[in-house]
Amino acid sequence: MSNKTSTVTAKPTPRVLRSPRSVEMLGNRLDLLVEADDFPRASVVRYTVAPGFTAPPQLHHHVSDDVLMIVLAGALAVSGVEGEVEAGPGEVVVLRHGTPFAWRNASAEEEAVYLGVYAPGGFEQYFPAIQAAASSAGGLSPEVVFPLWEQYGIAVSDTD
C-alpha cells in the first residue's frame, strides 16, 4: 500500500446536491442531478419517460461521450445496428461513444425511469438548450434539433 499524497485539490467535505434543475418537454421530465459544474468528469440525468415516448427514431451516436442508461422503473427498448434489446429495472445499457442507437419507452401504458450517466460531464446542458430552442421556435424541427446535435456532439449514424 502506498502512502503517496495526491496532488488533486479536493473539497474539504463531501457535497450533497439537493435541488436538481428540471426540464420538462414532450411529456417527459429530466432532472439534472449532477451537472458538469458540479462534477466535470460525469453528469447524471434522471429521465421520467412518458408512456409510448420515442426519442429520435434514427440511429445516432455520441461522438465523444460515453453513456450509461441505468433503468430504475419500467423498461427501455434500445435499438442498434444489429437489432433491439430491452432493459428493465436494475439493468444497464452501455453505450460507448460512437455506438449507433435509438431508444424508446418500451411501454405504451407506463412511465419508464432511468438515470443517464454521461462521461465526461457537459452533455446534460443539451436538454435546457433544446427546451429553450424549441420554445423560441414554436416546436421541434430539424432546423432546431440538428444545430444543437452538432454543438453537443451527436451525429446521425451511417450504418451502411
C-alpha atoms as a PDB file:
ATOM      1  CA  MET A   1       0.000   0.000   0.000  1.00  0.00           C
ATOM      2  CA  SER A   2       1.333   3.395  -0.984  1.00  0.00           C
ATOM      3  CA  ASN A   3       1.338   6.447   1.252  1.00  0.00           C
ATOM      4  CA  LYS A   4       1.711   8.891  -1.639  1.00  0.00           C
ATOM      5  CA  THR A   5      -0.237  12.091  -1.264  1.00  0.00           C
ATOM      6  CA  SER A   6      -2.495  13.245  -4.034  1.00  0.00           C
ATOM      7  CA  THR A   7      -1.857  16.455  -5.919  1.00  0.00           C
ATOM      8  CA  VAL A   8      -5.570  16.780  -6.718  1.00  0.00           C
ATOM      9  CA  THR A   9      -7.216  19.594  -4.814  1.00  0.00           C
ATOM     10  CA  ALA A  10     -10.230  18.040  -3.126  1.00  0.00           C
ATOM     11  CA  LYS A  11     -13.083  19.735  -1.339  1.00  0.00           C
ATOM     12  CA  PRO A  12     -12.734  19.549   2.454  1.00  0.00           C
ATOM     13  CA  THR A  13     -16.096  17.786   2.879  1.00  0.00           C
ATOM     14  CA  PRO A  14     -18.424  15.811   0.618  1.00  0.00           C
ATOM     15  CA  ARG A  15     -21.143  17.802  -1.150  1.00  0.00           C
ATOM     16  CA  VAL A  16     -24.778  16.796  -1.321  1.00  0.00           C
ATOM     17  CA  LEU A  17     -26.612  18.104  -4.380  1.00  0.00           C
ATOM     18  CA  ARG A  18     -30.179  18.549  -3.220  1.00  0.00           C
ATOM     19  CA  SER A  19     -32.125  20.624  -5.737  1.00  0.00           C
ATOM     20  CA  PRO A  20     -31.739  19.456  -9.316  1.00  0.00           C
ATOM     21  CA  ARG A  21     -32.633  21.706 -12.197  1.00  0.00           C
ATOM     22  CA  SER A  22     -35.559  20.179 -14.106  1.00  0.00           C
ATOM     23  CA  VAL A  23     -36.535  20.336 -17.752  1.00  0.00           C
ATOM     24  CA  GLU A  24     -39.979  19.279 -18.953  1.00  0.00           C
ATOM     25  CA  MET A  25     -40.713  18.656 -22.597  1.00  0.00           C
ATOM     26  CA  LEU A  26     -42.680  16.290 -24.815  1.00  0.00           C
ATOM     27  CA  GLY A  27     -44.362  14.807 -21.740  1.00  0.00           C
ATOM     28  CA  ASN A  28     -41.038  13.871 -20.141  1.00  0.00           C
ATOM     29  CA  ARG A  29     -39.264  15.205 -17.074  1.00  0.00           C
ATOM     30  CA  LEU A  30     -35.486  15.415 -16.930  1.00  0.00           C
ATOM     31  CA  ASP A  31     -33.859  16.165 -13.581  1.00  0.00           C
ATOM     32  CA  LEU A  32     -30.250  17.307 -13.965  1.00  0.00           C
ATOM     33  CA  LEU A  33     -28.913  15.629 -10.823  1.00  0.00           C
ATOM     34  CA  VAL A  34     -25.210  16.236 -11.473  1.00  0.00           C
ATOM     35  CA  GLU A  35     -24.046  18.912 -13.890  1.00  0.00           C
ATOM     36  CA  ALA A  36     -20.553  19.454 -15.250  1.00  0.00           C
ATOM     37  CA  ASP A  37     -20.122  22.479 -12.972  1.00  0.00           C
ATOM     38  CA  ASP A  38     -20.690  20.142 -10.016  1.00  0.00           C
ATOM     39  CA  PHE A  39     -18.510  17.294 -11.296  1.00  0.00           C
ATOM     40  CA  PRO A  40     -16.736  17.702 -14.660  1.00  0.00           C
ATOM     41  CA  ARG A  41     -15.911  14.002 -15.068  1.00  0.00           C
ATOM     42  CA  ALA A  42     -19.565  12.916 -15.431  1.00  0.00           C
ATOM     43  CA  SER A  43     -23.102  14.208 -15.395  1.00  0.00           C
ATOM     44  CA  VAL A  44     -26.256  12.421 -14.285  1.00  0.00           C
ATOM     45  CA  VAL A  45     -29.786  12.989 -15.559  1.00  0.00           C
ATOM     46  CA  ARG A  46     -32.875  11.252 -14.167  1.00  0.00           C
ATOM     47  CA  TYR A  47     -35.354  10.734 -17.005  1.00  0.00           C
ATOM     48  CA  THR A  48     -39.033  10.135 -16.338  1.00  0.00           C
ATOM     49  CA  VAL A  49     -40.158   8.976 -19.769  1.00  0.00           C
ATOM     50  CA  ALA A  50     -43.778   9.279 -20.873  1.00  0.00           C
ATOM     51  CA  PRO A  51     -45.613   6.120 -21.940  1.00  0.00           C
ATOM     52  CA  GLY A  52     -45.016   5.426 -25.627  1.00  0.00           C
ATOM     53  CA  PHE A  53     -42.339   8.127 -25.973  1.00  0.00           C
ATOM     54  CA  THR A  54     -39.791   7.572 -28.726  1.00  0.00           C
ATOM     55  CA  ALA A  55     -36.542   9.544 -28.758  1.00  0.00           C
ATOM     56  CA  PRO A  56     -35.175  10.358 -32.207  1.00  0.00           C
ATOM     57  CA  PRO A  57     -36.031   7.206 -34.160  1.00  0.00           C
ATOM     58  CA  GLN A  58     -32.999   7.354 -36.423  1.00  0.00           C
ATOM     59  CA  LEU A  59     -29.802   5.717 -35.257  1.00  0.00           C
ATOM     60  CA  HIS A  60     -27.480   8.336 -33.850  1.00  0.00           C
ATOM     61  CA  HIS A  61     -24.400   8.323 -31.644  1.00  0.00           C
ATOM     62  CA  HIS A  62     -22.488  10.458 -29.205  1.00  0.00           C
ATOM     63  CA  VAL A  63     -19.218  11.478 -30.799  1.00  0.00           C
ATOM     64  CA  SER A  64     -17.197  11.819 -27.565  1.00  0.00           C
ATOM     65  CA  ASP A  65     -19.470  10.992 -24.633  1.00  0.00           C
ATOM     66  CA  ASP A  66     -19.841   7.532 -23.167  1.00  0.00           C
ATOM     67  CA  VAL A  67     -23.400   6.926 -21.916  1.00  0.00           C
ATOM     68  CA  LEU A  68     -24.876   4.587 -19.325  1.00  0.00           C
ATOM     69  CA  MET A  69     -28.643   4.151 -19.113  1.00  0.00           C
ATOM     70  CA  ILE A  70     -29.476   2.684 -15.678  1.00  0.00           C
ATOM     71  CA  VAL A  71     -33.121   1.583 -15.662  1.00  0.00           C
ATOM     72  CA  LEU A  72     -34.915   2.242 -12.370  1.00  0.00           C
ATOM     73  CA  ALA A  73     -38.540   1.535 -13.360  1.00  0.00           C
ATOM     74  CA  GLY A  74     -40.411   0.373 -16.436  1.00  0.00           C
ATOM     75  CA  ALA A  75     -38.435  -0.716 -19.475  1.00  0.00           C
ATOM     76  CA  LEU A  76     -36.458   0.849 -22.301  1.00  0.00           C
ATOM     77  CA  ALA A  77     -36.160  -0.560 -25.807  1.00  0.00           C
ATOM     78  CA  VAL A  78     -32.787   0.374 -27.294  1.00  0.00           C
ATOM     79  CA  SER A  79     -32.109  -0.260 -30.970  1.00  0.00           C
ATOM     80  CA  GLY A  80     -28.715  -0.666 -32.564  1.00  0.00           C
ATOM     81  CA  VAL A  81     -27.287  -1.767 -35.880  1.00  0.00           C
ATOM     82  CA  GLU A  82     -27.977  -5.451 -35.164  1.00  0.00           C
ATOM     83  CA  GLY A  83     -31.437  -5.166 -33.606  1.00  0.00           C
ATOM     84  CA  GLU A  84     -33.195  -4.141 -30.424  1.00  0.00           C
ATOM     85  CA  VAL A  85     -32.657  -5.005 -26.766  1.00  0.00           C
ATOM     86  CA  GLU A  86     -34.944  -4.336 -23.830  1.00  0.00           C
ATOM     87  CA  ALA A  87     -33.670  -3.307 -20.408  1.00  0.00           C
ATOM     88  CA  GLY A  88     -35.738  -3.387 -17.215  1.00  0.00           C
ATOM     89  CA  PRO A  89     -35.234  -2.277 -13.612  1.00  0.00           C
ATOM     90  CA  GLY A  90     -31.704  -2.849 -12.348  1.00  0.00           C
ATOM     91  CA  GLU A  91     -30.275  -3.329 -15.841  1.00  0.00           C
ATOM     92  CA  VAL A  92     -27.772  -1.036 -17.514  1.00  0.00           C
ATOM     93  CA  VAL A  93     -27.430  -0.173 -21.200  1.00  0.00           C
ATOM     94  CA  VAL A  94     -23.798   0.646 -22.057  1.00  0.00           C
ATOM     95  CA  LEU A  95     -23.197   2.982 -24.999  1.00  0.00           C
ATOM     96  CA  ARG A  96     -19.556   3.712 -25.675  1.00  0.00           C
ATOM     97  CA  HIS A  97     -19.068   6.855 -27.738  1.00  0.00           C
ATOM     98  CA  GLY A  98     -19.610   6.108 -31.413  1.00  0.00           C
ATOM     99  CA  THR A  99     -22.194   3.347 -30.772  1.00  0.00           C
ATOM    100  CA  PRO A 100     -25.252   3.839 -33.030  1.00  0.00           C
ATOM    101  CA  PHE A 101     -28.536   3.712 -31.094  1.00  0.00           C
ATOM    102  CA  ALA A 102     -32.107   4.910 -30.792  1.00  0.00           C
ATOM    103  CA  TRP A 103     -34.317   4.392 -27.753  1.00  0.00           C
ATOM    104  CA  ARG A 104     -37.902   4.484 -26.591  1.00  0.00           C
ATOM    105  CA  ASN A 105     -40.104   3.686 -23.636  1.00  0.00           C
ATOM    106  CA  ALA A 106     -40.954   0.007 -24.185  1.00  0.00           C
ATOM    107  CA  SER A 107     -44.465   0.531 -22.751  1.00  0.00           C
ATOM    108  CA  ALA A 108     -47.346   2.454 -24.247  1.00  0.00           C
ATOM    109  CA  GLU A 109     -49.096   2.466 -20.842  1.00  0.00           C
ATOM    110  CA  GLU A 110     -46.448   3.031 -18.150  1.00  0.00           C
ATOM    111  CA  GLU A 111     -43.707   5.561 -17.475  1.00  0.00           C
ATOM    112  CA  ALA A 112     -40.099   4.455 -17.518  1.00  0.00           C
ATOM    113  CA  VAL A 113     -37.466   5.994 -15.267  1.00  0.00           C
ATOM    114  CA  TYR A 114     -33.741   5.774 -15.838  1.00  0.00           C
ATOM    115  CA  LEU A 115     -30.519   7.507 -14.928  1.00  0.00           C
ATOM    116  CA  GLY A 116     -28.464   8.731 -17.858  1.00  0.00           C
ATOM    117  CA  VAL A 117     -24.793   8.994 -16.914  1.00  0.00           C
ATOM    118  CA  TYR A 118     -22.615  10.923 -19.367  1.00  0.00           C
ATOM    119  CA  ALA A 119     -18.832  10.912 -19.235  1.00  0.00           C
ATOM    120  CA  PRO A 120     -17.331  13.394 -19.363  1.00  0.00           C
ATOM    121  CA  GLY A 121     -19.857  15.827 -17.932  1.00  0.00           C
ATOM    122  CA  GLY A 122     -21.401  18.555 -20.037  1.00  0.00           C
ATOM    123  CA  PHE A 123     -23.934  16.791 -22.251  1.00  0.00           C
ATOM    124  CA  GLU A 124     -26.683  17.476 -19.703  1.00  0.00           C
ATOM    125  CA  GLN A 125     -26.686  21.084 -20.938  1.00  0.00           C
ATOM    126  CA  TYR A 126     -28.241  19.853 -24.202  1.00  0.00           C
ATOM    127  CA  PHE A 127     -31.634  19.450 -22.504  1.00  0.00           C
ATOM    128  CA  PRO A 128     -32.152  23.050 -21.320  1.00  0.00           C
ATOM    129  CA  ALA A 129     -30.735  24.213 -24.674  1.00  0.00           C
ATOM    130  CA  ILE A 130     -33.193  22.159 -26.737  1.00  0.00           C
ATOM    131  CA  GLN A 131     -36.082  23.167 -24.481  1.00  0.00           C
ATOM    132  CA  ALA A 132     -35.228  26.868 -24.968  1.00  0.00           C
ATOM    133  CA  ALA A 133     -34.706  26.488 -28.722  1.00  0.00           C
ATOM    134  CA  ALA A 134     -37.992  24.600 -29.174  1.00  0.00           C
ATOM    135  CA  SER A 135     -39.845  27.181 -27.098  1.00  0.00           C
ATOM    136  CA  SER A 136     -38.369  30.027 -29.129  1.00  0.00           C
ATOM    137  CA  ALA A 137     -39.094  28.313 -32.480  1.00  0.00           C
ATOM    138  CA  GLY A 138     -42.572  27.149 -31.501  1.00  0.00           C
ATOM    139  CA  GLY A 139     -41.674  23.454 -31.567  1.00  0.00           C
ATOM    140  CA  LEU A 140     -39.075  20.914 -32.579  1.00  0.00           C
ATOM    141  CA  SER A 141     -37.958  20.626 -36.186  1.00  0.00           C
ATOM    142  CA  PRO A 142     -34.750  19.516 -37.918  1.00  0.00           C
ATOM    143  CA  GLU A 143     -33.758  23.194 -38.103  1.00  0.00           C
ATOM    144  CA  VAL A 144     -33.971  23.372 -34.304  1.00  0.00           C
ATOM    145  CA  VAL A 145     -32.556  19.951 -33.447  1.00  0.00           C
ATOM    146  CA  PHE A 146     -29.612  19.400 -35.781  1.00  0.00           C
ATOM    147  CA  PRO A 147     -27.578  22.531 -34.892  1.00  0.00           C
ATOM    148  CA  LEU A 148     -27.831  21.505 -31.221  1.00  0.00           C
ATOM    149  CA  TRP A 149     -26.851  17.935 -32.092  1.00  0.00           C
ATOM    150  CA  GLU A 150     -23.713  19.307 -33.723  1.00  0.00           C
ATOM    151  CA  GLN A 151     -22.987  21.603 -30.771  1.00  0.00           C
ATOM    152  CA  TYR A 152     -23.406  18.804 -28.215  1.00  0.00           C
ATOM    153  CA  GLY A 153     -21.621  16.047 -30.131  1.00  0.00           C
ATOM    154  CA  ILE A 154     -24.495  13.944 -31.508  1.00  0.00           C
ATOM    155  CA  ALA A 155     -24.295  12.618 -35.054  1.00  0.00           C
ATOM    156  CA  VAL A 156     -26.634  10.630 -37.269  1.00  0.00           C
ATOM    157  CA  SER A 157     -25.060   7.200 -37.612  1.00  0.00           C
ATOM    158  CA  ASP A 158     -24.032   5.955 -41.042  1.00  0.00           C
ATOM    159  CA  THR A 159     -24.861   2.255 -40.836  1.00  0.00           C
ATOM    160  CA  ASP A 160     -24.055   1.281 -44.444  1.00  0.00           C
END
